Amino acid sequence: MSLTLAGLVCGEKGRVVNIVGGRGAVMKLMAMGIVPGKEVKVEGRRGGAMLISVNGTKFVIGRGLAMKVIVDVGKEG
C-alpha cells in the first residue's frame, strides 16, 4: 500500500517509491538520503514537523516536504 510519508504514524516504516515535487524539493530530500528504495522510519511528530531516520541518521522535515515522498508500507503476513 502506498501513501505519503506524512501519512505514517510514529514508529512506522516505509520504503520510498517516488518523490513528487519540484527540483529543489527533490534535491533537498535526495541530499538527506531519501531516495527511491530506501527505508524511512518515523521517529516522532510534533505539529507539522516530523522526526525521521534514514540509514541511521535522524532528520526533521516539515509536513509539506513529507507530503512529496511516496512510500510503500507493505504489511507482512
Protein backbone atom coordinates (compact mmCIF):
# COMPACT_ATOMS: atom_id res chain seq x y z
CA MET A 1 0.00 0.00 0.00
CA SER A 2 1.39 3.39 -0.99
CA LEU A 3 0.87 6.69 0.78
CA THR A 4 2.84 9.81 1.59
CA LEU A 5 5.48 9.92 4.30
CA ALA A 6 3.24 12.42 6.14
CA GLY A 7 0.60 9.67 6.42
CA LEU A 8 2.79 7.38 8.52
CA VAL A 9 2.37 7.21 12.28
CA CYS A 10 5.13 7.31 14.86
CA GLY A 11 7.21 4.11 14.77
CA GLU A 12 6.02 3.13 11.29
CA LYS A 13 8.42 2.37 8.43
CA GLY A 14 8.05 2.70 4.70
CA ARG A 15 10.17 2.18 1.61
CA VAL A 16 10.49 5.23 -0.65
CA VAL A 17 8.81 4.60 -4.00
CA ASN A 18 8.84 8.07 -5.55
CA ILE A 19 9.36 11.76 -4.84
CA VAL A 20 6.85 14.12 -6.42
CA GLY A 21 7.86 17.74 -6.34
CA GLY A 22 9.96 20.46 -7.87
CA ARG A 23 13.66 20.19 -8.44
CA GLY A 24 14.54 22.00 -5.20
CA ALA A 25 12.45 19.68 -3.03
CA VAL A 26 13.75 16.58 -4.80
CA MET A 27 17.38 17.69 -4.42
CA LYS A 28 16.89 18.53 -0.72
CA LEU A 29 15.32 15.13 0.01
CA MET A 30 17.97 13.27 -2.00
CA ALA A 31 20.72 15.11 -0.08
CA MET A 32 19.22 13.62 3.11
CA GLY A 33 19.38 10.14 1.60
CA ILE A 34 15.64 9.97 0.95
CA VAL A 35 15.78 8.24 -2.42
CA PRO A 36 13.67 5.51 -4.05
CA GLY A 37 14.41 2.11 -2.49
CA LYS A 38 15.49 3.46 0.91
CA GLU A 39 13.62 2.63 4.10
CA VAL A 40 12.43 5.59 6.17
CA LYS A 41 11.14 5.39 9.74
CA VAL A 42 9.04 7.99 11.53
CA GLU A 43 10.64 8.51 14.94
CA GLY A 44 8.32 11.25 16.20
CA ARG A 45 5.91 14.05 15.31
CA ARG A 46 5.21 17.48 16.72
CA GLY A 47 2.75 19.74 14.97
CA GLY A 48 3.69 19.84 11.31
CA ALA A 49 7.25 18.63 11.87
CA MET A 50 8.34 15.00 11.63
CA LEU A 51 11.46 13.36 13.03
CA ILE A 52 12.53 10.65 10.60
CA SER A 53 15.50 8.33 10.31
CA VAL A 54 17.21 7.19 7.13
CA ASN A 55 20.32 4.98 7.20
CA GLY A 56 20.55 5.53 10.97
CA THR A 57 20.65 9.33 10.62
CA LYS A 58 17.78 11.42 12.01
CA PHE A 59 16.31 14.46 10.29
CA VAL A 60 13.43 16.82 10.97
CA ILE A 61 11.31 17.69 7.95
CA GLY A 62 8.12 19.68 7.59
CA ARG A 63 4.77 18.26 6.58
CA GLY A 64 4.94 19.90 3.15
CA LEU A 65 8.17 18.09 2.28
CA ALA A 66 6.88 14.83 3.78
CA MET A 67 3.81 15.06 1.50
CA LYS A 68 6.12 14.85 -1.53
CA VAL A 69 7.59 11.48 -0.52
CA ILE A 70 5.56 8.44 -1.65
CA VAL A 71 6.30 5.35 0.45
CA ASP A 72 5.21 1.72 0.32
CA VAL A 73 4.17 0.26 3.67
CA GLY A 74 3.63 -3.33 2.60
CA LYS A 75 2.27 -5.29 5.54
CA GLU A 76 3.86 -8.61 6.42
CA GLY A 77 1.73 -11.71 6.68
